């Protein structure tokens, strides 16, 4: 009986090792495919400033910071980016703090950015006339690069703190649901989805401690992205115009409240 138990135990151990090695090889192969996949590239026109709304309406200066998602990679018109769609909604008086506005939109986001890159973006955002509201979309590259969530969140918190010290209201859309992207195959998709959730939780704590507001994009928009492939552009990773519209509506209540706070300051 003892000999049989030893043989069973040895076989189970070998099976576990083989499964672990095989699983690691599968993940490594999928990571290589994901890295070499052709993704949508930034459109040069998306870096331009835009003014949306009635020229006679009260102005609201809105700036976006972050990665390719803040810049609008995946679409080719400013109006289809998350910033452009937010600007339109705000200019029309949608949201809890209703009132038509002239939104002066700009973006200092850079495709591929991680939270460590936010310091430079904050410096650019604070040049010249100060924005009233800053929206930060960051974290996907931290999560897919398996950066330590607490360290990445600390850089985000420092950026929020600098903006708040300058009198800028800040809304952060935390790391989106990476488990919804179709450019990454399972089981790697589940791994990066988990990393995204851990990153988002760390971001939420850091942003609140720094005096900013957060919107849980994974909770608010993730189910829609999982159900509808049309929310992603042709590369299966970046949002389409429809996807950015979903995000804009998710962000709108917090951004509208932030705009109201900027009015009172």
Protein backbone atom coordinates (compact mmCIF):
# COMPACT_ATOMS: atom_id res chain seq x y z
CA UNK A 1 0.00 0.00 0.00
CA UNK A 2 2.82 2.37 0.89
CA UNK A 3 4.59 1.65 -2.41
CA UNK A 4 1.40 2.24 -4.37
CA UNK A 5 0.82 5.53 -2.50
CA UNK A 6 4.34 6.63 -3.35
CA UNK A 7 3.85 5.77 -7.03
CA UNK A 8 0.52 7.62 -7.15
CA UNK A 9 2.06 10.61 -5.42
CA UNK A 10 5.02 10.61 -7.82
CA UNK A 11 2.73 10.39 -10.84
CA UNK A 12 0.56 13.24 -9.52
CA UNK A 13 3.64 15.38 -8.95
CA UNK A 14 4.93 14.71 -12.47
CA UNK A 15 1.51 15.51 -13.93
CA UNK A 16 1.39 18.77 -11.99
CA UNK A 17 4.89 19.73 -13.15
CA UNK A 18 4.09 18.85 -16.75
CA UNK A 19 0.87 20.85 -16.57
CA UNK A 20 2.67 23.82 -15.07
CA UNK A 21 5.43 23.73 -17.68
CA UNK A 22 2.91 23.27 -20.48
CA UNK A 23 0.76 26.10 -19.14
CA UNK A 24 3.77 28.41 -18.88
CA UNK A 25 4.79 27.56 -22.43
CA UNK A 26 1.26 28.27 -23.66
CA UNK A 27 1.18 31.64 -21.89
CA UNK A 28 4.62 32.52 -23.25
CA UNK A 29 3.52 31.65 -26.77
CA UNK A 30 0.35 33.73 -26.45
CA UNK A 31 2.33 36.65 -25.03
CA UNK A 32 4.65 36.52 -28.05
CA UNK A 33 1.69 36.52 -30.43
CA UNK A 34 0.11 39.44 -28.55
CA UNK A 35 3.34 41.46 -28.67
CA UNK A 36 3.88 40.93 -32.38
CA UNK A 37 0.26 41.57 -33.38
CA UNK A 38 -0.38 44.69 -35.49
CA UNK A 39 -2.31 47.22 -33.44
CA UNK A 40 -4.01 50.46 -34.39
CA UNK A 41 -1.65 53.44 -34.48
CA UNK A 42 -2.25 57.03 -33.31
CA UNK A 43 -3.77 59.41 -35.85
CA UNK A 44 -1.81 62.67 -35.96
CA UNK A 45 -5.00 64.73 -36.03
CA UNK A 46 -6.00 63.40 -32.62
CA UNK A 47 -3.28 65.46 -30.93
CA UNK A 48 -4.94 68.72 -31.98
CA UNK A 49 -6.99 70.93 -29.70
CA UNK A 50 -10.70 71.32 -30.34
CA UNK A 51 -13.50 73.57 -29.14
CA UNK A 52 -16.96 72.07 -28.85
CA UNK A 53 -20.24 73.89 -28.18
CA UNK A 54 -21.84 77.31 -28.31
CA UNK A 55 -19.17 80.05 -28.49
CA UNK A 56 -21.32 82.17 -26.15
CA UNK A 57 -21.61 79.46 -23.48
CA UNK A 58 -19.43 79.46 -20.34
CA UNK A 59 -16.03 77.85 -21.07
CA UNK A 60 -14.77 74.61 -19.59
CA UNK A 61 -11.16 73.62 -20.20
CA UNK A 62 -10.91 69.82 -20.31
CA UNK A 63 -7.61 67.98 -20.71
CA UNK A 64 -6.99 64.27 -21.09
CA UNK A 65 -3.85 62.54 -19.83
CA UNK A 66 -2.70 58.95 -20.09
CA UNK A 67 -2.04 56.31 -22.71
CA UNK A 68 -3.43 55.43 -26.14
CA UNK A 69 -6.93 55.28 -24.68
CA UNK A 70 -6.73 58.91 -23.58
CA UNK A 71 -5.42 59.86 -27.01
CA UNK A 72 -8.16 57.97 -28.86
CA UNK A 73 -6.20 55.30 -30.72
CA UNK A 74 -8.61 53.17 -32.71
CA UNK A 75 -10.59 56.03 -34.28
CA UNK A 76 -9.61 58.73 -36.76
CA UNK A 77 -11.75 61.67 -35.69
CA UNK A 78 -11.51 63.76 -32.52
CA UNK A 79 -15.31 63.62 -32.20
CA UNK A 80 -15.11 59.81 -31.81
CA UNK A 81 -12.49 59.79 -29.03
CA UNK A 82 -13.56 59.53 -25.41
CA UNK A 83 -12.54 63.17 -24.95
CA UNK A 84 -14.45 64.33 -28.00
CA UNK A 85 -17.59 62.48 -26.92
CA UNK A 86 -17.29 63.79 -23.37
CA UNK A 87 -16.89 67.31 -24.74
CA UNK A 88 -20.04 66.96 -26.81
CA UNK A 89 -22.07 65.64 -23.90
CA UNK A 90 -20.85 68.41 -21.59
CA UNK A 91 -21.47 71.08 -24.21
CA UNK A 92 -25.06 69.90 -24.57
CA UNK A 93 -25.70 70.11 -20.84
CA UNK A 94 -25.92 66.37 -20.20
CA UNK A 95 -24.94 64.96 -16.83
CA UNK A 96 -25.98 65.66 -13.22
CA UNK A 97 -24.62 69.23 -13.29
CA UNK A 98 -26.70 70.33 -16.28
CA UNK A 99 -25.82 73.47 -18.20
CA UNK A 100 -24.56 74.14 -21.70
CA UNK A 101 -20.83 74.85 -22.00
CA UNK A 102 -18.17 75.69 -24.51
CA UNK A 103 -15.67 72.90 -23.97
CA UNK A 104 -12.05 73.62 -24.83
CA UNK A 105 -10.64 70.13 -25.26
CA UNK A 106 -6.99 69.13 -25.36
CA UNK A 107 -4.98 65.96 -24.84
CA UNK A 108 -1.44 65.38 -23.65
CA UNK A 109 -1.83 61.60 -23.71
CA UNK A 110 0.88 59.51 -25.36
CA UNK A 111 0.35 56.05 -26.79
CA UNK A 112 2.19 53.38 -24.83
CA UNK A 113 2.43 55.44 -21.65
CA UNK A 114 2.63 53.89 -18.20
CA UNK A 115 1.92 55.60 -14.90
CA UNK A 116 5.60 56.54 -14.60
CA UNK A 117 5.13 58.79 -17.66
CA UNK A 118 2.41 60.91 -16.09
CA UNK A 119 4.82 63.39 -14.49
CA UNK A 120 5.83 64.73 -17.90
CA UNK A 121 2.23 64.87 -19.04
CA UNK A 122 1.16 66.79 -15.95
CA UNK A 123 3.89 69.35 -16.62
CA UNK A 124 2.57 69.81 -20.16
CA UNK A 125 -1.03 70.04 -18.96
CA UNK A 126 -0.13 72.81 -16.53
CA UNK A 127 1.58 74.98 -19.14
CA UNK A 128 -0.29 78.15 -20.06
CA UNK A 129 -3.93 78.47 -19.02
CA UNK A 130 -4.78 75.87 -16.42
CA UNK A 131 -7.41 73.27 -17.25
CA UNK A 132 -10.57 73.16 -15.15
CA UNK A 133 -10.89 69.38 -15.27
CA UNK A 134 -8.34 66.67 -16.04
CA UNK A 135 -9.40 63.15 -17.03
CA UNK A 136 -6.71 60.49 -16.69
CA UNK A 137 -6.92 57.12 -18.45
CA UNK A 138 -3.95 54.96 -17.54
CA UNK A 139 -3.11 51.48 -16.28
CA UNK A 140 -3.54 49.09 -19.20
CA UNK A 141 0.17 49.13 -20.05
CA UNK A 142 1.08 48.81 -16.36
CA UNK A 143 -1.13 45.72 -16.09
CA UNK A 144 -0.08 44.03 -19.35
CA UNK A 145 3.57 44.71 -18.47
CA UNK A 146 2.93 43.13 -15.05
CA UNK A 147 4.22 46.20 -13.24
CA UNK A 148 3.79 46.21 -9.48
CA UNK A 149 0.31 47.73 -8.98
CA UNK A 150 1.20 49.63 -5.83
CA UNK A 151 4.22 51.29 -7.46
CA UNK A 152 2.25 52.20 -10.60
CA UNK A 153 -0.57 53.58 -8.45
CA UNK A 154 1.89 55.68 -6.46
CA UNK A 155 2.96 57.47 -9.65
CA UNK A 156 -0.69 58.02 -10.54
CA UNK A 157 -1.40 59.38 -7.07
CA UNK A 158 1.53 61.80 -7.36
CA UNK A 159 0.15 63.08 -10.69
CA UNK A 160 -3.32 63.59 -9.20
CA UNK A 161 -1.83 65.39 -6.21
CA UNK A 162 0.09 67.83 -8.44
CA UNK A 163 -3.00 68.62 -10.48
CA UNK A 164 -5.14 69.12 -7.39
CA UNK A 165 -2.50 71.39 -5.85
CA UNK A 166 -2.78 73.55 -8.97
CA UNK A 167 -6.55 73.79 -8.50
CA UNK A 168 -7.51 71.30 -11.22
CA UNK A 169 -10.38 68.87 -10.63
CA UNK A 170 -9.32 65.30 -11.49
CA UNK A 171 -11.27 62.25 -12.63
CA UNK A 172 -9.44 58.96 -13.22
CA UNK A 173 -10.93 56.16 -15.26
CA UNK A 174 -9.27 53.15 -13.65
CA UNK A 175 -7.78 50.30 -15.67
CA UNK A 176 -10.46 48.94 -18.03
CA UNK A 177 -11.57 45.32 -18.26
CA UNK A 178 -8.63 43.70 -20.05
CA UNK A 179 -10.46 40.39 -19.90
CA UNK A 180 -12.78 41.80 -22.58
CA UNK A 181 -10.11 42.33 -25.25
CA UNK A 182 -10.13 39.90 -28.15
CA UNK A 183 -6.57 40.51 -29.34
CA UNK A 184 -5.31 38.33 -26.48
CA UNK A 185 -6.30 34.67 -26.43
CA UNK A 186 -7.28 32.66 -23.34
CA UNK A 187 -5.82 31.78 -20.91
CA UNK A 188 -3.51 34.82 -21.19
CA UNK A 189 -6.61 36.99 -21.48
CA UNK A 190 -7.71 35.82 -18.03
CA UNK A 191 -4.25 36.54 -16.62
CA UNK A 192 -4.15 40.13 -17.90
CA UNK A 193 -7.78 40.56 -16.84
CA UNK A 194 -6.79 39.64 -13.30
CA UNK A 195 -3.78 41.98 -13.45
CA UNK A 196 -6.07 44.78 -14.63
CA UNK A 197 -8.43 44.29 -11.68
CA UNK A 198 -5.56 44.36 -9.19
CA UNK A 199 -4.18 47.50 -10.86
CA UNK A 200 -7.59 49.20 -10.75
CA UNK A 201 -8.00 48.54 -7.02
CA UNK A 202 -4.57 50.03 -6.28
CA UNK A 203 -5.37 53.02 -8.49
CA UNK A 204 -8.63 53.70 -6.66
CA UNK A 205 -6.94 53.88 -3.28
CA UNK A 206 -4.13 56.12 -4.53
CA UNK A 207 -6.44 58.53 -6.36
CA UNK A 208 -8.82 58.94 -3.44
CA UNK A 209 -5.90 59.56 -1.09
CA UNK A 210 -4.67 62.29 -3.48
CA UNK A 211 -8.03 64.04 -3.64
CA UNK A 212 -9.30 62.85 -7.03
CA UNK A 213 -12.40 61.00 -8.17
CA UNK A 214 -12.42 57.57 -9.82
CA UNK A 215 -14.69 55.77 -12.25
CA UNK A 216 -14.43 51.98 -12.32
CA UNK A 217 -14.38 51.47 -16.09
CA UNK A 218 -14.18 47.70 -15.75
CA UNK A 219 -17.37 47.57 -13.68
CA UNK A 220 -19.22 50.28 -15.59
CA UNK A 221 -18.30 49.31 -19.16
CA UNK A 222 -16.70 45.86 -19.02
CA UNK A 223 -19.94 43.87 -19.45
CA UNK A 224 -20.79 45.85 -22.59
CA UNK A 225 -17.32 45.26 -24.08
CA UNK A 226 -17.55 41.53 -23.31
CA UNK A 227 -20.97 41.25 -24.94
CA UNK A 228 -20.39 43.41 -28.02
CA UNK A 229 -17.32 42.93 -30.23
CA UNK A 230 -18.23 46.17 -31.99
CA UNK A 231 -17.00 48.15 -28.99
CA UNK A 232 -13.45 47.32 -30.12
CA UNK A 233 -11.77 48.58 -33.28
CA UNK A 234 -10.24 46.36 -35.96
CA UNK A 235 -7.26 45.34 -33.79
CA UNK A 236 -9.44 43.76 -31.10
CA UNK A 237 -7.69 45.77 -28.38
CA UNK A 238 -8.41 49.50 -28.63
CA UNK A 239 -11.99 50.79 -28.42
CA UNK A 240 -14.00 51.73 -31.48
CA UNK A 241 -16.12 54.88 -31.63
CA UNK A 242 -18.90 52.87 -29.97
CA UNK A 243 -16.53 51.71 -27.24
CA UNK A 244 -15.33 55.24 -26.52
CA UNK A 245 -18.98 56.33 -26.40
CA UNK A 246 -19.66 53.73 -23.70
CA UNK A 247 -16.70 55.06 -21.72
CA UNK A 248 -17.76 58.67 -22.18
CA UNK A 249 -21.19 57.94 -20.71
CA UNK A 250 -19.57 56.03 -17.83
CA UNK A 251 -17.25 58.96 -17.08
CA UNK A 252 -19.83 61.70 -17.61
CA UNK A 253 -21.41 61.86 -14.13
CA UNK A 254 -18.04 62.21 -12.39
CA UNK A 255 -16.69 64.66 -14.97
CA UNK A 256 -19.87 66.72 -14.75
CA UNK A 257 -19.56 66.88 -10.95
CA UNK A 258 -15.90 67.86 -11.32
CA UNK A 259 -16.88 70.62 -13.74
CA UNK A 260 -19.42 71.88 -11.22
CA UNK A 261 -16.69 71.91 -8.57
CA UNK A 262 -14.43 73.88 -10.89
CA UNK A 263 -17.21 76.45 -11.32
CA UNK A 264 -17.42 76.98 -7.56
CA UNK A 265 -13.67 77.35 -7.06
